[in-house]
Full PDB file with SEQRES, HELIX, SHEET, SSBOND, CRYST1, ORIGX, SCALE, CONECT and MASTER records, all heavy atoms in Angstrom:
SEQRES   1 A   29  ALA VAL GLY SER PHE ILE GLY ALA SER LEU SER ASP ARG          
SEQRES   2 A   29  VAL SER ARG LEU MET ILE ALA SER PHE SER LEU PHE MET          
SEQRES   3 A   29  ILE ALA PRO                                                  
HELIX    1 AA1 VAL A    2  SER A   11  1                                  10    
HELIX    2 AA2 ARG A   16  ILE A   27  1                                  12    
CRYST1    1.000    1.000    1.000  90.00  90.00  90.00 P 1           1          
ORIGX1      1.000000  0.000000  0.000000        0.00000                         
ORIGX2      0.000000  1.000000  0.000000        0.00000                         
ORIGX3      0.000000  0.000000  1.000000        0.00000                         
SCALE1      1.000000  0.000000  0.000000        0.00000                         
SCALE2      0.000000  1.000000  0.000000        0.00000                         
SCALE3      0.000000  0.000000  1.000000        0.00000                         
ATOM      1  N   ALA A   1     -29.603  -2.339  -5.386  1.00  0.00           N  
ATOM      2  CA  ALA A   1     -29.213  -3.772  -5.662  1.00  0.00           C  
ATOM      3  C   ALA A   1     -28.207  -3.722  -6.701  1.00  0.00           C  
ATOM      4  O   ALA A   1     -27.206  -4.508  -6.685  1.00  0.00           O  
ATOM      5  CB  ALA A   1     -30.474  -4.502  -6.032  1.00  0.00           C  
ATOM      6  N   VAL A   2     -28.334  -2.937  -7.736  1.00  0.00           N  
ATOM      7  CA  VAL A   2     -27.326  -2.952  -8.826  1.00  0.00           C  
ATOM      8  C   VAL A   2     -25.988  -2.282  -8.301  1.00  0.00           C  
ATOM      9  O   VAL A   2     -24.933  -2.810  -8.686  1.00  0.00           O  
ATOM     10  CB  VAL A   2     -27.938  -1.947  -9.982  1.00  0.00           C  
ATOM     11  CG1 VAL A   2     -26.833  -1.687 -11.076  1.00  0.00           C  
ATOM     12  CG2 VAL A   2     -29.089  -2.648 -10.640  1.00  0.00           C  
ATOM     13  N   GLY A   3     -26.105  -1.283  -7.341  1.00  0.00           N  
ATOM     14  CA  GLY A   3     -24.971  -0.731  -6.795  1.00  0.00           C  
ATOM     15  C   GLY A   3     -24.107  -1.712  -5.977  1.00  0.00           C  
ATOM     16  O   GLY A   3     -22.944  -1.770  -5.986  1.00  0.00           O  
ATOM     17  N   SER A   4     -24.805  -2.649  -5.365  1.00  0.00           N  
ATOM     18  CA  SER A   4     -24.202  -3.787  -4.601  1.00  0.00           C  
ATOM     19  C   SER A   4     -23.328  -4.565  -5.534  1.00  0.00           C  
ATOM     20  O   SER A   4     -22.253  -4.902  -5.294  1.00  0.00           O  
ATOM     21  CB  SER A   4     -25.251  -4.557  -3.949  1.00  0.00           C  
ATOM     22  OG  SER A   4     -24.672  -5.647  -3.184  1.00  0.00           O  
ATOM     23  N   PHE A   5     -23.889  -4.899  -6.672  1.00  0.00           N  
ATOM     24  CA  PHE A   5     -23.148  -5.719  -7.706  1.00  0.00           C  
ATOM     25  C   PHE A   5     -22.000  -4.974  -8.254  1.00  0.00           C  
ATOM     26  O   PHE A   5     -20.889  -5.483  -8.431  1.00  0.00           O  
ATOM     27  CB  PHE A   5     -24.154  -6.157  -8.764  1.00  0.00           C  
ATOM     28  CG  PHE A   5     -23.494  -6.920  -9.948  1.00  0.00           C  
ATOM     29  CD1 PHE A   5     -23.093  -8.223  -9.772  1.00  0.00           C  
ATOM     30  CD2 PHE A   5     -23.205  -6.332 -11.102  1.00  0.00           C  
ATOM     31  CE1 PHE A   5     -22.388  -8.934 -10.821  1.00  0.00           C  
ATOM     32  CE2 PHE A   5     -22.627  -6.940 -12.138  1.00  0.00           C  
ATOM     33  CZ  PHE A   5     -22.141  -8.243 -11.973  1.00  0.00           C  
ATOM     34  N   ILE A   6     -22.250  -3.730  -8.526  1.00  0.00           N  
ATOM     35  CA  ILE A   6     -21.116  -2.896  -9.191  1.00  0.00           C  
ATOM     36  C   ILE A   6     -19.998  -2.697  -8.171  1.00  0.00           C  
ATOM     37  O   ILE A   6     -18.893  -2.896  -8.485  1.00  0.00           O  
ATOM     38  CB  ILE A   6     -21.740  -1.537  -9.658  1.00  0.00           C  
ATOM     39  CG1 ILE A   6     -22.612  -1.691 -10.857  1.00  0.00           C  
ATOM     40  CG2 ILE A   6     -20.490  -0.559  -9.988  1.00  0.00           C  
ATOM     41  CD1 ILE A   6     -23.362  -0.496 -11.303  1.00  0.00           C  
ATOM     42  N   GLY A   7     -20.421  -2.461  -6.857  1.00  0.00           N  
ATOM     43  CA  GLY A   7     -19.339  -2.265  -5.843  1.00  0.00           C  
ATOM     44  C   GLY A   7     -18.551  -3.531  -5.695  1.00  0.00           C  
ATOM     45  O   GLY A   7     -17.258  -3.418  -5.591  1.00  0.00           O  
ATOM     46  N   ALA A   8     -19.181  -4.643  -5.665  1.00  0.00           N  
ATOM     47  CA  ALA A   8     -18.443  -5.862  -5.471  1.00  0.00           C  
ATOM     48  C   ALA A   8     -17.519  -6.092  -6.712  1.00  0.00           C  
ATOM     49  O   ALA A   8     -16.393  -6.627  -6.559  1.00  0.00           O  
ATOM     50  CB  ALA A   8     -19.442  -7.025  -5.343  1.00  0.00           C  
ATOM     51  N   SER A   9     -18.035  -5.922  -7.903  1.00  0.00           N  
ATOM     52  CA  SER A   9     -17.285  -6.110  -9.122  1.00  0.00           C  
ATOM     53  C   SER A   9     -16.078  -5.145  -9.165  1.00  0.00           C  
ATOM     54  O   SER A   9     -14.994  -5.550  -9.603  1.00  0.00           O  
ATOM     55  CB  SER A   9     -18.048  -5.922 -10.363  1.00  0.00           C  
ATOM     56  OG  SER A   9     -19.125  -6.795 -10.412  1.00  0.00           O  
ATOM     57  N   LEU A  10     -16.213  -3.898  -8.869  1.00  0.00           N  
ATOM     58  CA  LEU A  10     -15.139  -2.912  -8.803  1.00  0.00           C  
ATOM     59  C   LEU A  10     -14.037  -3.289  -7.779  1.00  0.00           C  
ATOM     60  O   LEU A  10     -12.841  -3.052  -7.994  1.00  0.00           O  
ATOM     61  CB  LEU A  10     -15.618  -1.501  -8.609  1.00  0.00           C  
ATOM     62  CG  LEU A  10     -16.288  -0.777  -9.728  1.00  0.00           C  
ATOM     63  CD1 LEU A  10     -16.882   0.566  -9.307  1.00  0.00           C  
ATOM     64  CD2 LEU A  10     -15.370  -0.573 -10.878  1.00  0.00           C  
ATOM     65  N   SER A  11     -14.550  -3.856  -6.708  1.00  0.00           N  
ATOM     66  CA  SER A  11     -13.617  -4.206  -5.630  1.00  0.00           C  
ATOM     67  C   SER A  11     -12.522  -5.115  -6.069  1.00  0.00           C  
ATOM     68  O   SER A  11     -11.424  -5.306  -5.341  1.00  0.00           O  
ATOM     69  CB  SER A  11     -14.279  -4.635  -4.394  1.00  0.00           C  
ATOM     70  OG  SER A  11     -14.815  -5.968  -4.546  1.00  0.00           O  
ATOM     71  N   ASP A  12     -12.748  -5.823  -7.186  1.00  0.00           N  
ATOM     72  CA  ASP A  12     -11.752  -6.804  -7.657  1.00  0.00           C  
ATOM     73  C   ASP A  12     -10.660  -6.084  -8.400  1.00  0.00           C  
ATOM     74  O   ASP A  12      -9.563  -6.657  -8.580  1.00  0.00           O  
ATOM     75  CB  ASP A  12     -12.364  -7.811  -8.572  1.00  0.00           C  
ATOM     76  CG  ASP A  12     -13.290  -8.817  -7.871  1.00  0.00           C  
ATOM     77  OD1 ASP A  12     -13.065  -9.032  -6.594  1.00  0.00           O  
ATOM     78  OD2 ASP A  12     -14.201  -9.367  -8.436  1.00  0.00           O  
ATOM     79  N   ARG A  13     -10.902  -4.802  -8.756  1.00  0.00           N  
ATOM     80  CA  ARG A  13      -9.936  -4.078  -9.562  1.00  0.00           C  
ATOM     81  C   ARG A  13      -9.379  -2.834  -8.912  1.00  0.00           C  
ATOM     82  O   ARG A  13      -8.392  -2.265  -9.285  1.00  0.00           O  
ATOM     83  CB  ARG A  13     -10.520  -3.751 -10.998  1.00  0.00           C  
ATOM     84  CG  ARG A  13     -10.910  -4.995 -11.749  1.00  0.00           C  
ATOM     85  CD  ARG A  13     -11.378  -4.654 -13.151  1.00  0.00           C  
ATOM     86  NE  ARG A  13     -12.789  -4.107 -13.171  1.00  0.00           N  
ATOM     87  CZ  ARG A  13     -13.947  -4.889 -13.036  1.00  0.00           C  
ATOM     88  NH1 ARG A  13     -13.752  -6.076 -12.609  1.00  0.00           N  
ATOM     89  NH2 ARG A  13     -15.098  -4.337 -13.160  1.00  0.00           N  
ATOM     90  N   VAL A  14     -10.177  -2.302  -7.987  1.00  0.00           N  
ATOM     91  CA  VAL A  14      -9.889  -0.978  -7.340  1.00  0.00           C  
ATOM     92  C   VAL A  14      -9.871  -1.227  -5.805  1.00  0.00           C  
ATOM     93  O   VAL A  14     -10.468  -2.133  -5.327  1.00  0.00           O  
ATOM     94  CB  VAL A  14     -10.880   0.071  -7.713  1.00  0.00           C  
ATOM     95  CG1 VAL A  14     -10.563   1.442  -7.172  1.00  0.00           C  
ATOM     96  CG2 VAL A  14     -11.081   0.206  -9.167  1.00  0.00           C  
ATOM     97  N   SER A  15      -9.181  -0.378  -5.202  1.00  0.00           N  
ATOM     98  CA  SER A  15      -9.092  -0.447  -3.710  1.00  0.00           C  
ATOM     99  C   SER A  15     -10.570  -0.523  -3.099  1.00  0.00           C  
ATOM    100  O   SER A  15     -11.381   0.330  -3.319  1.00  0.00           O  
ATOM    101  CB  SER A  15      -8.354   0.770  -3.078  1.00  0.00           C  
ATOM    102  OG  SER A  15      -8.573   0.930  -1.736  1.00  0.00           O  
ATOM    103  N   ARG A  16     -10.775  -1.531  -2.215  1.00  0.00           N  
ATOM    104  CA  ARG A  16     -12.007  -1.678  -1.611  1.00  0.00           C  
ATOM    105  C   ARG A  16     -12.333  -0.488  -0.646  1.00  0.00           C  
ATOM    106  O   ARG A  16     -13.513  -0.058  -0.635  1.00  0.00           O  
ATOM    107  CB  ARG A  16     -12.046  -3.019  -0.747  1.00  0.00           C  
ATOM    108  CG  ARG A  16     -12.021  -4.227  -1.624  1.00  0.00           C  
ATOM    109  CD  ARG A  16     -12.149  -5.465  -0.876  1.00  0.00           C  
ATOM    110  NE  ARG A  16     -10.941  -5.720   0.001  1.00  0.00           N  
ATOM    111  CZ  ARG A  16     -10.703  -6.733   0.754  1.00  0.00           C  
ATOM    112  NH1 ARG A  16     -11.616  -7.685   0.779  1.00  0.00           N  
ATOM    113  NH2 ARG A  16      -9.630  -6.855   1.516  1.00  0.00           N  
ATOM    114  N   LEU A  17     -11.322  -0.096   0.094  1.00  0.00           N  
ATOM    115  CA  LEU A  17     -11.550   1.029   1.025  1.00  0.00           C  
ATOM    116  C   LEU A  17     -11.888   2.320   0.200  1.00  0.00           C  
ATOM    117  O   LEU A  17     -12.751   3.118   0.720  1.00  0.00           O  
ATOM    118  CB  LEU A  17     -10.376   1.178   1.945  1.00  0.00           C  
ATOM    119  CG  LEU A  17     -10.029   0.006   2.834  1.00  0.00           C  
ATOM    120  CD1 LEU A  17      -8.864   0.433   3.725  1.00  0.00           C  
ATOM    121  CD2 LEU A  17     -11.230  -0.373   3.709  1.00  0.00           C  
ATOM    122  N   MET A  18     -11.345   2.502  -0.912  1.00  0.00           N  
ATOM    123  CA  MET A  18     -11.636   3.687  -1.682  1.00  0.00           C  
ATOM    124  C   MET A  18     -13.081   3.691  -2.212  1.00  0.00           C  
ATOM    125  O   MET A  18     -13.826   4.600  -2.140  1.00  0.00           O  
ATOM    126  CB  MET A  18     -10.745   3.878  -2.941  1.00  0.00           C  
ATOM    127  CG  MET A  18     -11.001   5.156  -3.742  1.00  0.00           C  
ATOM    128  SD  MET A  18      -9.894   5.271  -5.146  1.00  0.00           S  
ATOM    129  CE  MET A  18     -10.414   4.000  -6.229  1.00  0.00           C  
ATOM    130  N   ILE A  19     -13.525   2.443  -2.732  1.00  0.00           N  
ATOM    131  CA  ILE A  19     -14.952   2.326  -3.124  1.00  0.00           C  
ATOM    132  C   ILE A  19     -15.869   2.464  -1.964  1.00  0.00           C  
ATOM    133  O   ILE A  19     -16.865   3.296  -2.103  1.00  0.00           O  
ATOM    134  CB  ILE A  19     -15.187   0.961  -3.782  1.00  0.00           C  
ATOM    135  CG1 ILE A  19     -14.366   0.832  -5.029  1.00  0.00           C  
ATOM    136  CG2 ILE A  19     -16.620   0.731  -4.107  1.00  0.00           C  
ATOM    137  CD1 ILE A  19     -14.237  -0.565  -5.575  1.00  0.00           C  
ATOM    138  N   ALA A  20     -15.625   1.898  -0.852  1.00  0.00           N  
ATOM    139  CA  ALA A  20     -16.485   2.055   0.272  1.00  0.00           C  
ATOM    140  C   ALA A  20     -16.562   3.408   0.825  1.00  0.00           C  
ATOM    141  O   ALA A  20     -17.661   3.986   1.092  1.00  0.00           O  
ATOM    142  CB  ALA A  20     -16.036   1.092   1.476  1.00  0.00           C  
ATOM    143  N   SER A  21     -15.450   4.148   1.002  1.00  0.00           N  
ATOM    144  CA  SER A  21     -15.490   5.465   1.466  1.00  0.00           C  
ATOM    145  C   SER A  21     -16.086   6.458   0.457  1.00  0.00           C  
ATOM    146  O   SER A  21     -16.892   7.303   0.762  1.00  0.00           O  
ATOM    147  CB  SER A  21     -14.112   5.947   1.805  1.00  0.00           C  
ATOM    148  OG  SER A  21     -13.178   5.997   0.673  1.00  0.00           O  
ATOM    149  N   PHE A  22     -15.869   6.286  -0.832  1.00  0.00           N  
ATOM    150  CA  PHE A  22     -16.436   7.149  -1.840  1.00  0.00           C  
ATOM    151  C   PHE A  22     -17.953   7.007  -1.819  1.00  0.00           C  
ATOM    152  O   PHE A  22     -18.713   8.011  -1.805  1.00  0.00           O  
ATOM    153  CB  PHE A  22     -15.906   6.927  -3.215  1.00  0.00           C  
ATOM    154  CG  PHE A  22     -16.532   7.624  -4.329  1.00  0.00           C  
ATOM    155  CD1 PHE A  22     -16.196   8.877  -4.515  1.00  0.00           C  
ATOM    156  CD2 PHE A  22     -17.516   7.018  -5.140  1.00  0.00           C  
ATOM    157  CE1 PHE A  22     -16.851   9.674  -5.629  1.00  0.00           C  
ATOM    158  CE2 PHE A  22     -18.221   7.727  -6.151  1.00  0.00           C  
ATOM    159  CZ  PHE A  22     -17.816   9.061  -6.389  1.00  0.00           C  
ATOM    160  N   SER A  23     -18.446   5.781  -1.772  1.00  0.00           N  
ATOM    161  CA  SER A  23     -19.916   5.539  -1.797  1.00  0.00           C  
ATOM    162  C   SER A  23     -20.512   6.166  -0.588  1.00  0.00           C  
ATOM    163  O   SER A  23     -21.622   6.767  -0.643  1.00  0.00           O  
ATOM    164  CB  SER A  23     -20.243   4.106  -2.048  1.00  0.00           C  
ATOM    165  OG  SER A  23     -19.816   3.390  -0.953  1.00  0.00           O  
ATOM    166  N   LEU A  24     -19.905   5.974   0.599  1.00  0.00           N  
ATOM    167  CA  LEU A  24     -20.453   6.469   1.841  1.00  0.00           C  
ATOM    168  C   LEU A  24     -20.517   7.989   1.805  1.00  0.00           C  
ATOM    169  O   LEU A  24     -21.422   8.601   2.241  1.00  0.00           O  
ATOM    170  CB  LEU A  24     -19.679   5.973   3.021  1.00  0.00           C  
ATOM    171  CG  LEU A  24     -19.866   4.523   3.404  1.00  0.00           C  
ATOM    172  CD1 LEU A  24     -18.915   4.073   4.468  1.00  0.00           C  
ATOM    173  CD2 LEU A  24     -21.373   4.309   3.912  1.00  0.00           C  
ATOM    174  N   PHE A  25     -19.362   8.643   1.320  1.00  0.00           N  
ATOM    175  CA  PHE A  25     -19.324  10.048   1.303  1.00  0.00           C  
ATOM    176  C   PHE A  25     -20.355  10.649   0.311  1.00  0.00           C  
ATOM    177  O   PHE A  25     -20.956  11.719   0.490  1.00  0.00           O  
ATOM    178  CB  PHE A  25     -18.033  10.574   0.873  1.00  0.00           C  
ATOM    179  CG  PHE A  25     -17.002  10.716   1.933  1.00  0.00           C  
ATOM    180  CD1 PHE A  25     -15.749  10.183   1.950  1.00  0.00           C  
ATOM    181  CD2 PHE A  25     -17.336  11.638   3.019  1.00  0.00           C  
ATOM    182  CE1 PHE A  25     -14.852  10.389   3.018  1.00  0.00           C  
ATOM    183  CE2 PHE A  25     -16.413  11.888   4.026  1.00  0.00           C  
ATOM    184  CZ  PHE A  25     -15.161  11.245   4.000  1.00  0.00           C  
ATOM    185  N   MET A  26     -20.657  10.001  -0.745  1.00  0.00           N  
ATOM    186  CA  MET A  26     -21.671  10.447  -1.804  1.00  0.00           C  
ATOM    187  C   MET A  26     -23.008  10.395  -1.321  1.00  0.00           C  
ATOM    188  O   MET A  26     -23.983  11.000  -1.878  1.00  0.00           O  
ATOM    189  CB  MET A  26     -21.440   9.636  -3.087  1.00  0.00           C  
ATOM    190  CG  MET A  26     -20.100  10.007  -3.771  1.00  0.00           C  
ATOM    191  SD  MET A  26     -19.817  11.784  -4.081  1.00  0.00           S  
ATOM    192  CE  MET A  26     -21.258  12.138  -5.145  1.00  0.00           C  
ATOM    193  N   ILE A  27     -23.392   9.572  -0.298  1.00  0.00           N  
ATOM    194  CA  ILE A  27     -24.845   9.410   0.058  1.00  0.00           C  
ATOM    195  C   ILE A  27     -25.350  10.795   0.609  1.00  0.00           C  
ATOM    196  O   ILE A  27     -26.407  11.124   0.251  1.00  0.00           O  
ATOM    197  CB  ILE A  27     -24.911   8.349   1.220  1.00  0.00           C  
ATOM    198  CG1 ILE A  27     -24.651   6.958   0.503  1.00  0.00           C  
ATOM    199  CG2 ILE A  27     -26.243   8.361   1.843  1.00  0.00           C  
ATOM    200  CD1 ILE A  27     -24.546   5.795   1.486  1.00  0.00           C  
ATOM    201  N   ALA A  28     -24.581  11.521   1.339  1.00  0.00           N  
ATOM    202  CA  ALA A  28     -25.084  12.765   1.849  1.00  0.00           C  
ATOM    203  C   ALA A  28     -25.462  13.749   0.880  1.00  0.00           C  
ATOM    204  O   ALA A  28     -26.591  14.312   0.846  1.00  0.00           O  
ATOM    205  CB  ALA A  28     -24.125  13.335   2.948  1.00  0.00           C  
ATOM    206  N   PRO A  29     -24.452  14.116  -0.017  1.00  0.00           N  
ATOM    207  CA  PRO A  29     -24.844  15.163  -1.059  1.00  0.00           C  
ATOM    208  C   PRO A  29     -26.051  14.781  -1.920  1.00  0.00           C  
ATOM    209  O   PRO A  29     -26.855  15.461  -2.307  1.00  0.00           O  
ATOM    210  CB  PRO A  29     -23.539  15.433  -1.845  1.00  0.00           C  
ATOM    211  CG  PRO A  29     -22.656  14.344  -1.454  1.00  0.00           C  
ATOM    212  CD  PRO A  29     -23.124  13.735  -0.136  1.00  0.00           C  
TER     213      PRO A  29                                                      
MASTER        0    0    0    2    0    0    0    6  212    1    0    3          
END                                                                             
């Protein structure tokens, strides 16, 4: 739930696609 808030907040300042792809890639490891 906190990650959802952080992701939304960061998307206002950083590329949305970068945040989405990074978070998805990090789930596996």
